[in-house]
C-alpha atoms as a PDB file:
ATOM      1  CA  MET A   1     -41.955 -30.166 -17.966  1.00  0.00           C
ATOM      2  CA  GLU A   2     -41.711 -31.434 -14.395  1.00  0.00           C
ATOM      3  CA  GLN A   3     -37.941 -31.627 -14.800  1.00  0.00           C
ATOM      4  CA  LEU A   4     -37.904 -27.993 -15.895  1.00  0.00           C
ATOM      5  CA  PHE A   5     -40.129 -26.460 -13.196  1.00  0.00           C
ATOM      6  CA  ASP A   6     -39.455 -27.867  -9.766  1.00  0.00           C
ATOM      7  CA  LEU A   7     -38.494 -26.729  -6.267  1.00  0.00           C
ATOM      8  CA  ALA A   8     -34.804 -26.717  -7.175  1.00  0.00           C
ATOM      9  CA  LEU A   9     -35.549 -24.041  -9.778  1.00  0.00           C
ATOM     10  CA  ILE A  10     -37.019 -21.785  -7.095  1.00  0.00           C
ATOM     11  CA  ASN A  11     -33.987 -22.443  -4.905  1.00  0.00           C
ATOM     12  CA  SER A  12     -31.692 -21.466  -7.775  1.00  0.00           C
ATOM     13  CA  ALA A  13     -33.779 -18.344  -8.446  1.00  0.00           C
ATOM     14  CA  LEU A  14     -33.363 -17.209  -4.842  1.00  0.00           C
ATOM     15  CA  ARG A  15     -29.598 -17.561  -5.133  1.00  0.00           C
ATOM     16  CA  VAL A  16     -29.215 -15.683  -8.399  1.00  0.00           C
ATOM     17  CA  LEU A  17     -31.718 -12.927  -7.586  1.00  0.00           C
ATOM     18  CA  THR A  18     -29.891 -11.857  -4.412  1.00  0.00           C
ATOM     19  CA  PRO A  19     -27.258  -9.645  -6.121  1.00  0.00           C
ATOM     20  CA  ILE A  20     -29.993  -8.027  -8.230  1.00  0.00           C
ATOM     21  CA  LEU A  21     -32.235  -7.434  -5.226  1.00  0.00           C
ATOM     22  CA  LEU A  22     -29.493  -5.931  -3.062  1.00  0.00           C
ATOM     23  CA  ALA A  23     -28.331  -3.576  -5.809  1.00  0.00           C
ATOM     24  CA  ALA A  24     -31.935  -2.674  -6.717  1.00  0.00           C
ATOM     25  CA  LEU A  25     -32.659  -1.745  -3.105  1.00  0.00           C
ATOM     26  CA  GLY A  26     -29.600   0.498  -3.216  1.00  0.00           C
ATOM     27  CA  GLY A  27     -30.912   2.088  -6.387  1.00  0.00           C
ATOM     28  CA  ALA A  28     -34.297   2.594  -4.712  1.00  0.00           C
ATOM     29  CA  LEU A  29     -32.660   4.466  -1.838  1.00  0.00           C
ATOM     30  CA  CYS A  30     -30.919   6.826  -4.258  1.00  0.00           C
ATOM     31  CA  SER A  31     -34.075   7.311  -6.300  1.00  0.00           C
ATOM     32  CA  ARG A  32     -36.051   8.234  -3.206  1.00  0.00           C
ATOM     33  CA  VAL A  33     -33.748  11.223  -2.620  1.00  0.00           C
ATOM     34  CA  GLY A  34     -33.775  12.331  -6.264  1.00  0.00           C
ATOM     35  CA  LEU A  35     -30.552  10.687  -7.475  1.00  0.00           C
ATOM     36  CA  PHE A  36     -30.708   8.332 -10.455  1.00  0.00           C
ATOM     37  CA  ASN A  37     -27.791   6.025  -9.671  1.00  0.00           C
ATOM     38  CA  VAL A  38     -26.538   4.502 -12.915  1.00  0.00           C
ATOM     39  CA  GLY A  39     -23.346   3.355 -11.193  1.00  0.00           C
ATOM     40  CA  LEU A  40     -24.855   0.231  -9.606  1.00  0.00           C
ATOM     41  CA  GLU A  41     -23.040  -1.991 -12.101  1.00  0.00           C
ATOM     42  CA  GLY A  42     -19.654  -0.522 -11.254  1.00  0.00           C
ATOM     43  CA  PHE A  43     -20.264  -0.644  -7.518  1.00  0.00           C
ATOM     44  CA  MET A  44     -21.251  -4.312  -7.749  1.00  0.00           C
ATOM     45  CA  LEU A  45     -18.129  -5.107  -9.752  1.00  0.00           C
ATOM     46  CA  LEU A  46     -15.907  -3.342  -7.233  1.00  0.00           C
ATOM     47  CA  GLY A  47     -17.644  -5.210  -4.421  1.00  0.00           C
ATOM     48  CA  ALA A  48     -17.103  -8.568  -6.111  1.00  0.00           C
ATOM     49  CA  PHE A  49     -13.405  -7.914  -6.678  1.00  0.00           C
ATOM     50  CA  SER A  50     -12.810  -6.406  -3.233  1.00  0.00           C
ATOM     51  CA  ALA A  51     -14.486  -9.377  -1.551  1.00  0.00           C
ATOM     52  CA  VAL A  52     -12.123 -11.787  -3.295  1.00  0.00           C
ATOM     53  CA  VAL A  53      -9.098  -9.627  -2.452  1.00  0.00           C
ATOM     54  CA  GLY A  54     -10.179  -9.388   1.179  1.00  0.00           C
ATOM     55  CA  ASN A  55     -10.786 -13.122   1.371  1.00  0.00           C
ATOM     56  CA  TYR A  56      -7.386 -13.863  -0.163  1.00  0.00           C
ATOM     57  CA  PHE A  57      -5.401 -11.634   2.193  1.00  0.00           C
ATOM     58  CA  PHE A  58      -7.439 -11.949   5.399  1.00  0.00           C
ATOM     59  CA  GLY A  59      -8.525 -15.555   5.005  1.00  0.00           C
ATOM     60  CA  ASN A  60     -11.883 -14.738   6.555  1.00  0.00           C
ATOM     61  CA  VAL A  61     -15.219 -14.279   4.813  1.00  0.00           C
ATOM     62  CA  PHE A  62     -16.529 -11.759   7.335  1.00  0.00           C
ATOM     63  CA  TYR A  63     -13.440  -9.564   7.006  1.00  0.00           C
ATOM     64  CA  ALA A  64     -13.657  -9.935   3.242  1.00  0.00           C
ATOM     65  CA  ILE A  65     -17.196  -8.519   3.241  1.00  0.00           C
ATOM     66  CA  LEU A  66     -16.148  -5.655   5.516  1.00  0.00           C
ATOM     67  CA  PHE A  67     -13.245  -4.904   3.178  1.00  0.00           C
ATOM     68  CA  ALA A  68     -15.592  -4.878   0.182  1.00  0.00           C
ATOM     69  CA  ILE A  69     -17.960  -2.514   2.007  1.00  0.00           C
ATOM     70  CA  ALA A  70     -15.075  -0.168   2.846  1.00  0.00           C
ATOM     71  CA  ILE A  71     -13.789  -0.045  -0.738  1.00  0.00           C
ATOM     72  CA  VAL A  72     -17.188   0.487  -2.341  1.00  0.00           C
ATOM     73  CA  SER A  73     -18.078   3.098   0.284  1.00  0.00           C
ATOM     74  CA  ILE A  74     -15.079   5.164  -0.813  1.00  0.00           C
ATOM     75  CA  PHE A  75     -16.254   5.162  -4.423  1.00  0.00           C
ATOM     76  CA  SER A  76     -19.870   5.806  -3.439  1.00  0.00           C
ATOM     77  CA  PHE A  77     -18.681   8.813  -1.428  1.00  0.00           C
ATOM     78  CA  ILE A  78     -16.918  10.119  -4.531  1.00  0.00           C
ATOM     79  CA  PHE A  79     -20.136   9.604  -6.478  1.00  0.00           C
ATOM     80  CA  ALA A  80     -22.091  11.497  -3.817  1.00  0.00           C
ATOM     81  CA  TYR A  81     -19.615  14.375  -3.643  1.00  0.00           C
ATOM     82  CA  LEU A  82     -19.574  14.865  -7.405  1.00  0.00           C
ATOM     83  CA  SER A  83     -23.339  14.605  -7.746  1.00  0.00           C
ATOM     84  CA  ILE A  84     -24.462  16.500  -4.648  1.00  0.00           C
ATOM     85  CA  ASN A  85     -21.778  19.036  -3.775  1.00  0.00           C
ATOM     86  CA  LEU A  86     -20.384  19.748  -7.234  1.00  0.00           C
ATOM     87  CA  GLN A  87     -23.804  19.394  -8.906  1.00  0.00           C
ATOM     88  CA  ALA A  88     -22.365  17.229 -11.697  1.00  0.00           C
ATOM     89  CA  ASN A  89     -24.778  15.385 -13.963  1.00  0.00           C
ATOM     90  CA  VAL A  90     -25.569  12.271 -11.953  1.00  0.00           C
ATOM     91  CA  ILE A  91     -26.027  10.059 -15.019  1.00  0.00           C
ATOM     92  CA  VAL A  92     -22.644  11.034 -16.437  1.00  0.00           C
ATOM     93  CA  VAL A  93     -21.025  10.422 -13.050  1.00  0.00           C
ATOM     94  CA  GLY A  94     -22.654   6.996 -12.838  1.00  0.00           C
ATOM     95  CA  ILE A  95     -21.445   6.017 -16.311  1.00  0.00           C
ATOM     96  CA  ALA A  96     -17.954   7.221 -15.398  1.00  0.00           C
ATOM     97  CA  MET A  97     -18.045   5.082 -12.245  1.00  0.00           C
ATOM     98  CA  ASN A  98     -18.965   2.032 -14.300  1.00  0.00           C
ATOM     99  CA  ALA A  99     -16.054   2.628 -16.681  1.00  0.00           C
ATOM    100  CA  LEU A 100     -13.686   3.273 -13.779  1.00  0.00           C
ATOM    101  CA  ALA A 101     -14.730   0.069 -12.024  1.00  0.00           C
ATOM    102  CA  ALA A 102     -14.263  -2.025 -15.166  1.00  0.00           C
ATOM    103  CA  GLY A 103     -10.796  -0.646 -15.827  1.00  0.00           C
ATOM    104  CA  LEU A 104      -9.677  -0.627 -12.213  1.00  0.00           C
ATOM    105  CA  THR A 105     -10.676  -4.222 -11.526  1.00  0.00           C
ATOM    106  CA  THR A 106      -8.969  -5.413 -14.721  1.00  0.00           C
ATOM    107  CA  PHE A 107      -5.767  -3.544 -13.837  1.00  0.00           C
ATOM    108  CA  SER A 108      -5.833  -4.626 -10.184  1.00  0.00           C
ATOM    109  CA  LEU A 109      -6.406  -8.251 -11.169  1.00  0.00           C
ATOM    110  CA  ARG A 110      -3.109  -8.225 -13.034  1.00  0.00           C
ATOM    111  CA  ALA A 111      -1.277  -6.019 -10.528  1.00  0.00           C
ATOM    112  CA  ILE A 112      -2.261  -7.944  -7.394  1.00  0.00           C
ATOM    113  CA  PHE A 113      -2.656 -11.535  -8.594  1.00  0.00           C
ATOM    114  CA  ASP A 114      -0.585 -11.399 -11.810  1.00  0.00           C
ATOM    115  CA  VAL A 115      -3.321 -13.125 -13.816  1.00  0.00           C
ATOM    116  CA  LYS A 116      -5.547 -12.166 -16.726  1.00  0.00           C
ATOM    117  CA  GLY A 117      -9.240 -12.787 -17.101  1.00  0.00           C
ATOM    118  CA  ALA A 118      -9.993 -14.563 -13.839  1.00  0.00           C
ATOM    119  CA  PHE A 119      -8.583 -15.430 -10.432  1.00  0.00           C
ATOM    120  CA  TYR A 120      -9.293 -18.610  -8.511  1.00  0.00           C
ATOM    121  CA  ASP A 121      -7.661 -20.027  -5.405  1.00  0.00           C
ATOM    122  CA  ASN A 122      -8.820 -23.419  -4.145  1.00  0.00           C
ATOM    123  CA  THR A 123      -7.805 -22.472  -0.607  1.00  0.00           C
ATOM    124  CA  MET A 124     -10.383 -19.683  -0.414  1.00  0.00           C
ATOM    125  CA  VAL A 125     -13.569 -20.438   1.463  1.00  0.00           C
ATOM    126  CA  GLY A 126     -16.769 -18.821   0.197  1.00  0.00           C
ATOM    127  CA  LEU A 127     -19.877 -17.783   2.040  1.00  0.00           C
ATOM    128  CA  PRO A 128     -21.369 -20.532   4.209  1.00  0.00           C
ATOM    129  CA  LYS A 129     -24.427 -22.413   2.996  1.00  0.00           C
ATOM    130  CA  TRP A 130     -27.108 -22.589   5.648  1.00  0.00           C
ATOM    131  CA  ASN A 131     -29.352 -25.578   6.223  1.00  0.00           C
ATOM    132  CA  ILE A 132     -31.655 -24.554   9.052  1.00  0.00           C
ATOM    133  CA  PRO A 133     -32.493 -27.728  11.048  1.00  0.00           C
ATOM    134  CA  ILE A 134     -36.209 -27.162  11.618  1.00  0.00           C
ATOM    135  CA  ILE A 135     -37.017 -25.548   8.278  1.00  0.00           C
ATOM    136  CA  GLU A 136     -35.187 -28.110   6.141  1.00  0.00           C
ATOM    137  CA  ASP A 137     -37.582 -30.828   7.335  1.00  0.00           C
ATOM    138  CA  ILE A 138     -40.677 -28.979   6.081  1.00  0.00           C
ATOM    139  CA  PRO A 139     -41.868 -30.726   2.869  1.00  0.00           C
ATOM    140  CA  VAL A 140     -42.021 -27.822   0.373  1.00  0.00           C
ATOM    141  CA  ILE A 141     -40.249 -24.956   2.097  1.00  0.00           C
ATOM    142  CA  GLY A 142     -37.253 -27.079   3.120  1.00  0.00           C
ATOM    143  CA  PRO A 143     -35.951 -27.824  -0.410  1.00  0.00           C
ATOM    144  CA  ILE A 144     -36.560 -24.218  -1.476  1.00  0.00           C
ATOM    145  CA  LEU A 145     -34.494 -22.740   1.368  1.00  0.00           C
ATOM    146  CA  ALA A 146     -31.799 -25.415   1.425  1.00  0.00           C
ATOM    147  CA  GLY A 147     -28.170 -24.394   0.981  1.00  0.00           C
ATOM    148  CA  LEU A 148     -28.679 -20.634   0.751  1.00  0.00           C
ATOM    149  CA  THR A 149     -26.056 -18.149   1.928  1.00  0.00           C
ATOM    150  CA  PRO A 150     -26.747 -15.695   4.771  1.00  0.00           C
ATOM    151  CA  LEU A 151     -26.854 -12.828   2.262  1.00  0.00           C
ATOM    152  CA  VAL A 152     -29.937 -14.357   0.621  1.00  0.00           C
ATOM    153  CA  TYR A 153     -31.862 -14.136   3.875  1.00  0.00           C
ATOM    154  CA  LEU A 154     -30.329 -10.743   4.622  1.00  0.00           C
ATOM    155  CA  SER A 155     -31.506  -9.286   1.307  1.00  0.00           C
ATOM    156  CA  PHE A 156     -35.163 -10.028   2.067  1.00  0.00           C
ATOM    157  CA  LEU A 157     -34.720  -8.808   5.640  1.00  0.00           C
ATOM    158  CA  ILE A 158     -33.297  -5.513   4.353  1.00  0.00           C
ATOM    159  CA  ALA A 159     -36.247  -5.129   1.977  1.00  0.00           C
ATOM    160  CA  GLY A 160     -38.663  -5.539   4.891  1.00  0.00           C
ATOM    161  CA  LEU A 161     -36.731  -3.117   7.080  1.00  0.00           C
ATOM    162  CA  MET A 162     -36.649  -0.555   4.279  1.00  0.00           C
ATOM    163  CA  TRP A 163     -40.422  -0.786   3.905  1.00  0.00           C
ATOM    164  CA  TYR A 164     -40.877  -0.265   7.628  1.00  0.00           C
ATOM    165  CA  TYR A 165     -38.419   2.647   7.631  1.00  0.00           C
ATOM    166  CA  PHE A 166     -40.064   4.406   4.682  1.00  0.00           C
ATOM    167  CA  TYR A 167     -43.687   4.100   5.756  1.00  0.00           C
ATOM    168  CA  ARG A 168     -43.702   3.578   9.517  1.00  0.00           C
ATOM    169  CA  THR A 169     -41.025   5.897  10.938  1.00  0.00           C
ATOM    170  CA  LYS A 170     -40.683   9.659  11.257  1.00  0.00           C
ATOM    171  CA  ASN A 171     -37.194   9.676   9.735  1.00  0.00           C
ATOM    172  CA  GLY A 172     -38.516   7.594   6.867  1.00  0.00           C
ATOM    173  CA  PHE A 173     -41.100  10.243   6.000  1.00  0.00           C
ATOM    174  CA  ARG A 174     -38.394  12.880   6.170  1.00  0.00           C
ATOM    175  CA  PHE A 175     -36.269  10.739   3.889  1.00  0.00           C
ATOM    176  CA  LEU A 176     -39.081  10.554   1.340  1.00  0.00           C
ATOM    177  CA  ALA A 177     -39.760  14.284   1.649  1.00  0.00           C
ATOM    178  CA  ALA A 178     -36.107  15.059   0.902  1.00  0.00           C
ATOM    179  CA  GLY A 179     -36.513  13.451  -2.498  1.00  0.00           C
ATOM    180  CA  GLU A 180     -40.092  14.428  -3.329  1.00  0.00           C
ATOM    181  CA  ASN A 181     -39.661  18.152  -2.759  1.00  0.00           C
ATOM    182  CA  PRO A 182     -36.194  19.239  -1.571  1.00  0.00           C
ATOM    183  CA  LEU A 183     -37.084  22.942  -1.365  1.00  0.00           C
ATOM    184  CA  ALA A 184     -40.112  22.302   0.842  1.00  0.00           C
ATOM    185  CA  ALA A 185     -38.091  19.865   2.948  1.00  0.00           C
ATOM    186  CA  LYS A 186     -35.365  22.460   3.500  1.00  0.00           C
ATOM    187  CA  SER A 187     -37.955  25.039   4.480  1.00  0.00           C
ATOM    188  CA  VAL A 188     -39.073  22.893   7.435  1.00  0.00           C
ATOM    189  CA  GLY A 189     -35.520  22.177   8.585  1.00  0.00           C
ATOM    190  CA  ILE A 190     -34.863  18.806   6.932  1.00  0.00           C
ATOM    191  CA  ARG A 191     -31.208  18.443   5.996  1.00  0.00           C
ATOM    192  CA  VAL A 192     -31.621  17.173   2.470  1.00  0.00           C
ATOM    193  CA  ARG A 193     -27.945  16.651   1.752  1.00  0.00           C
ATOM    194  CA  ARG A 194     -27.535  14.487   4.835  1.00  0.00           C
ATOM    195  CA  TYR A 195     -30.248  12.145   3.594  1.00  0.00           C
ATOM    196  CA  GLN A 196     -28.792  12.161   0.089  1.00  0.00           C
ATOM    197  CA  TYR A 197     -25.332  11.229   1.335  1.00  0.00           C
ATOM    198  CA  GLY A 198     -26.817   8.571   3.586  1.00  0.00           C
ATOM    199  CA  ALA A 199     -28.758   7.084   0.673  1.00  0.00           C
ATOM    200  CA  VAL A 200     -25.717   6.935  -1.622  1.00  0.00           C
ATOM    201  CA  LEU A 201     -23.466   5.438   1.055  1.00  0.00           C
ATOM    202  CA  ALA A 202     -26.123   2.872   1.987  1.00  0.00           C
ATOM    203  CA  SER A 203     -26.470   2.062  -1.706  1.00  0.00           C
ATOM    204  CA  GLY A 204     -22.724   1.438  -1.821  1.00  0.00           C
ATOM    205  CA  VAL A 205     -22.963  -0.961   1.116  1.00  0.00           C
ATOM    206  CA  LEU A 206     -25.784  -2.896  -0.554  1.00  0.00           C
ATOM    207  CA  CYS A 207     -23.863  -3.084  -3.840  1.00  0.00           C
ATOM    208  CA  ALA A 208     -20.810  -4.352  -1.956  1.00  0.00           C
ATOM    209  CA  LEU A 209     -22.953  -7.127  -0.466  1.00  0.00           C
ATOM    210  CA  ALA A 210     -24.327  -7.866  -3.931  1.00  0.00           C
ATOM    211  CA  GLY A 211     -20.818  -8.181  -5.337  1.00  0.00           C
ATOM    212  CA  ALA A 212     -19.741 -10.387  -2.431  1.00  0.00           C
ATOM    213  CA  GLN A 213     -22.672 -12.706  -3.131  1.00  0.00           C
ATOM    214  CA  LEU A 214     -21.531 -12.968  -6.753  1.00  0.00           C
ATOM    215  CA  SER A 215     -17.875 -13.707  -6.103  1.00  0.00           C
ATOM    216  CA  LEU A 216     -18.035 -15.570  -2.784  1.00  0.00           C
ATOM    217  CA  GLY A 217     -21.587 -16.883  -2.566  1.00  0.00           C
ATOM    218  CA  GLN A 218     -21.931 -18.493  -5.989  1.00  0.00           C
ATOM    219  CA  VAL A 219     -18.526 -19.292  -7.535  1.00  0.00           C
ATOM    220  CA  THR A 220     -15.769 -18.296  -5.029  1.00  0.00           C
ATOM    221  CA  MET A 221     -13.699 -16.584  -7.731  1.00  0.00           C
ATOM    222  CA  PHE A 222     -13.499 -13.354  -9.703  1.00  0.00           C
ATOM    223  CA  THR A 223     -13.654 -12.907 -13.458  1.00  0.00           C
ATOM    224  CA  GLU A 224     -13.421  -9.674 -15.418  1.00  0.00           C
ATOM    225  CA  GLY A 225     -16.851  -8.150 -15.901  1.00  0.00           C
ATOM    226  CA  MET A 226     -18.500 -10.890 -13.859  1.00  0.00           C
ATOM    227  CA  THR A 227     -21.494  -8.682 -13.022  1.00  0.00           C
ATOM    228  CA  ALA A 228     -22.500  -9.090 -16.716  1.00  0.00           C
ATOM    229  CA  GLY A 229     -25.076  -6.313 -16.673  1.00  0.00           C
ATOM    230  CA  ARG A 230     -26.740  -7.307 -13.400  1.00  0.00           C
ATOM    231  CA  GLY A 231     -26.354  -3.746 -12.157  1.00  0.00           C
ATOM    232  CA  PHE A 232     -28.405  -2.473 -15.072  1.00  0.00           C
ATOM    233  CA  ILE A 233     -30.998  -5.192 -14.499  1.00  0.00           C
ATOM    234  CA  ALA A 234     -31.141  -4.010 -10.875  1.00  0.00           C
ATOM    235  CA  LEU A 235     -31.714  -0.487 -12.157  1.00  0.00           C
ATOM    236  CA  VAL A 236     -34.648  -1.729 -14.214  1.00  0.00           C
ATOM    237  CA  ALA A 237     -35.973  -3.608 -11.173  1.00  0.00           C
ATOM    238  CA  THR A 238     -35.841  -0.324  -9.255  1.00  0.00           C
ATOM    239  CA  MET A 239     -37.857   1.358 -11.977  1.00  0.00           C
ATOM    240  CA  LEU A 240     -40.419  -1.423 -12.243  1.00  0.00           C
ATOM    241  CA  GLY A 241     -40.830  -1.495  -8.473  1.00  0.00           C
ATOM    242  CA  GLN A 242     -41.494   2.260  -8.365  1.00  0.00           C
ATOM    243  CA  SER A 243     -38.622   2.547  -5.842  1.00  0.00           C
ATOM    244  CA  GLY A 244     -40.748   0.756  -3.255  1.00  0.00           C
ATOM    245  CA  PRO A 245     -39.085  -2.093  -1.337  1.00  0.00           C
ATOM    246  CA  LEU A 246     -41.908  -4.553  -1.988  1.00  0.00           C
ATOM    247  CA  GLY A 247     -42.199  -3.666  -5.663  1.00  0.00           C
ATOM    248  CA  VAL A 248     -38.430  -3.862  -6.120  1.00  0.00           C
ATOM    249  CA  THR A 249     -38.424  -7.284  -4.460  1.00  0.00           C
ATOM    250  CA  ALA A 250     -41.158  -8.521  -6.798  1.00  0.00           C
ATOM    251  CA  ALA A 251     -39.326  -7.235  -9.875  1.00  0.00           C
ATOM    252  CA  SER A 252     -36.076  -8.834  -8.678  1.00  0.00           C
ATOM    253  CA  LEU A 253     -37.907 -12.134  -8.212  1.00  0.00           C
ATOM    254  CA  LEU A 254     -39.004 -11.954 -11.841  1.00  0.00           C
ATOM    255  CA  PHE A 255     -35.499 -11.357 -13.148  1.00  0.00           C
ATOM    256  CA  GLY A 256     -33.992 -13.919 -10.787  1.00  0.00           C
ATOM    257  CA  PHE A 257     -36.473 -16.539 -11.930  1.00  0.00           C
ATOM    258  CA  MET A 258     -35.682 -15.849 -15.599  1.00  0.00           C
ATOM    259  CA  ASP A 259     -31.951 -16.035 -14.875  1.00  0.00           C
ATOM    260  CA  ALA A 260     -32.386 -19.392 -13.124  1.00  0.00           C
ATOM    261  CA  LEU A 261     -34.593 -20.589 -15.967  1.00  0.00           C
ATOM    262  CA  SER A 262     -31.919 -19.692 -18.515  1.00  0.00           C
ATOM    263  CA  ILE A 263     -29.426 -21.808 -16.569  1.00  0.00           C
ATOM    264  CA  ARG A 264     -31.907 -24.691 -16.518  1.00  0.00           C
ATOM    265  CA  PHE A 265     -32.412 -24.407 -20.299  1.00  0.00           C
ATOM    266  CA  GLN A 266     -28.701 -25.045 -20.807  1.00  0.00           C
ATOM    267  CA  GLY A 267     -29.264 -28.592 -19.577  1.00  0.00           C
ATOM    268  CA  LEU A 268     -31.804 -29.179 -22.349  1.00  0.00           C
ATOM    269  CA  ALA A 269     -29.225 -28.933 -25.149  1.00  0.00           C
ATOM    270  CA  LEU A 270     -30.485 -25.507 -26.217  1.00  0.00           C
ATOM    271  CA  PRO A 271     -27.949 -23.077 -27.729  1.00  0.00           C
ATOM    272  CA  THR A 272     -25.961 -21.379 -24.959  1.00  0.00           C
ATOM    273  CA  HIS A 273     -26.150 -17.947 -26.549  1.00  0.00           C
ATOM    274  CA  PHE A 274     -29.938 -18.183 -26.652  1.00  0.00           C
ATOM    275  CA  THR A 275     -30.279 -19.223 -23.015  1.00  0.00           C
ATOM    276  CA  GLN A 276     -27.858 -16.564 -21.766  1.00  0.00           C
ATOM    277  CA  MET A 277     -29.727 -13.743 -23.473  1.00  0.00           C
ATOM    278  CA  LEU A 278     -33.101 -14.716 -21.967  1.00  0.00           C
ATOM    279  CA  PRO A 279     -32.863 -12.551 -18.797  1.00  0.00           C
ATOM    280  CA  TYR A 280     -31.840  -9.515 -20.843  1.00  0.00           C
ATOM    281  CA  VAL A 281     -34.650 -10.012 -23.345  1.00  0.00           C
ATOM    282  CA  VAL A 282     -37.117 -10.101 -20.454  1.00  0.00           C
ATOM    283  CA  THR A 283     -35.529  -6.915 -19.100  1.00  0.00           C
ATOM    284  CA  ILE A 284     -36.064  -5.117 -22.410  1.00  0.00           C
ATOM    285  CA  LEU A 285     -39.648  -6.361 -22.663  1.00  0.00           C
ATOM    286  CA  ALA A 286     -40.305  -5.203 -19.114  1.00  0.00           C
ATOM    287  CA  MET A 287     -39.133  -1.719 -20.050  1.00  0.00           C
ATOM    288  CA  PHE A 288     -41.674  -1.648 -22.880  1.00  0.00           C
ATOM    289  CA  PHE A 289     -44.683  -2.940 -20.973  1.00  0.00           C
ATOM    290  CA  PHE A 290     -44.080  -1.389 -17.556  1.00  0.00           C
ATOM    291  CA  LYS A 291     -43.036   2.161 -18.216  1.00  0.00           C
ATOM    292  CA  ASP A 292     -42.333   4.434 -15.277  1.00  0.00           C
ATOM    293  CA  LYS A 293     -42.234   7.996 -16.544  1.00  0.00           C
ATOM    294  CA  SER A 294     -41.368   9.381 -13.131  1.00  0.00           C
ATOM    295  CA  PHE A 295     -37.820   8.151 -13.583  1.00  0.00           C
ATOM    296  CA  GLN A 296     -37.596   9.956 -16.912  1.00  0.00           C
ATOM    297  CA  GLN A 297     -38.684  13.102 -15.125  1.00  0.00           C
ATOM    298  CA  ASP A 298     -36.103  12.545 -12.385  1.00  0.00           C
ATOM    299  CA  ALA A 299     -33.400  12.147 -15.008  1.00  0.00           C
ATOM    300  CA  LEU A 300     -34.460  15.396 -16.675  1.00  0.00           C
ATOM    301  CA  LYS A 301     -34.544  17.224 -13.350  1.00  0.00           C
ATOM    302  CA  GLN A 302     -30.974  16.329 -12.365  1.00  0.00           C
ATOM    303  CA  GLY A 303     -29.159  19.544 -11.637  1.00  0.00           C
ATOM    304  CA  SER A 304     -32.362  21.342 -10.690  1.00  0.00           C
ATOM    305  CA  SER A 305     -35.113  20.864  -8.096  1.00  0.00           C
ATOM    306  CA  SER A 306     -34.683  17.085  -7.736  1.00  0.00           C
ATOM    307  CA  ARG A 307     -31.544  17.757  -5.764  1.00  0.00           C
END
């Protein structure tokens, strides 16, 4: 049992929860302005592929992340335009974005790199692993925070900043009002569409960072469908966290811990198929025991007062 639950498990959980947390925070932003963003999975996949492409051509991790943000921002703008300006059903648009991302990354993988299934280049350098000098010497905290990428720290920083923005700033209250009651917000001069576009574009940036963490922070390669449903798990984390930054962070910690635990189980000679399905089983159980009917209402209101 001590070999199963140790500090290294927590360290692994922090690494694997980062993509989920970043995407879930993006989903929370969209939910706060009345948009149920089902396209998190596709945005993450595009971010993962774009980060590898940017790293391959620019040879720089920072430029690779900027390239991923630019690409995903284009698709998130399309999502926003279809959902906000054209009043298309936001769930249908999100599903279409997921299908588009899956097909586009598969096609681009063959068109750009002339490979099928996966691309790996041993000359590519992934995200740096930080070992903070003072912190790494602390008995318990040091091993937990050892060898984490900057995006891991950034994800928790973003969660804290989002909480402060929502509940401690004037613009944050206006942001929340734009989603709670758009008609009342418009009546007092709040530009609802501006906040909606800002939320969707910010969600795209966070999903791009999530994808970059997957392809450059964990494995330094890209494989077809490498998000493996993490975008949908992030969507569930958004729902469980009631679209609040702290609640979303707690839900992401749960799913990240179960994902890390499933990886640890593989070292105990358990069947691989059983260990890989563990995070998704927990996701389904969470949907049963922690229902959030407000999201069902938001989904039903798409095309009406929620926008």
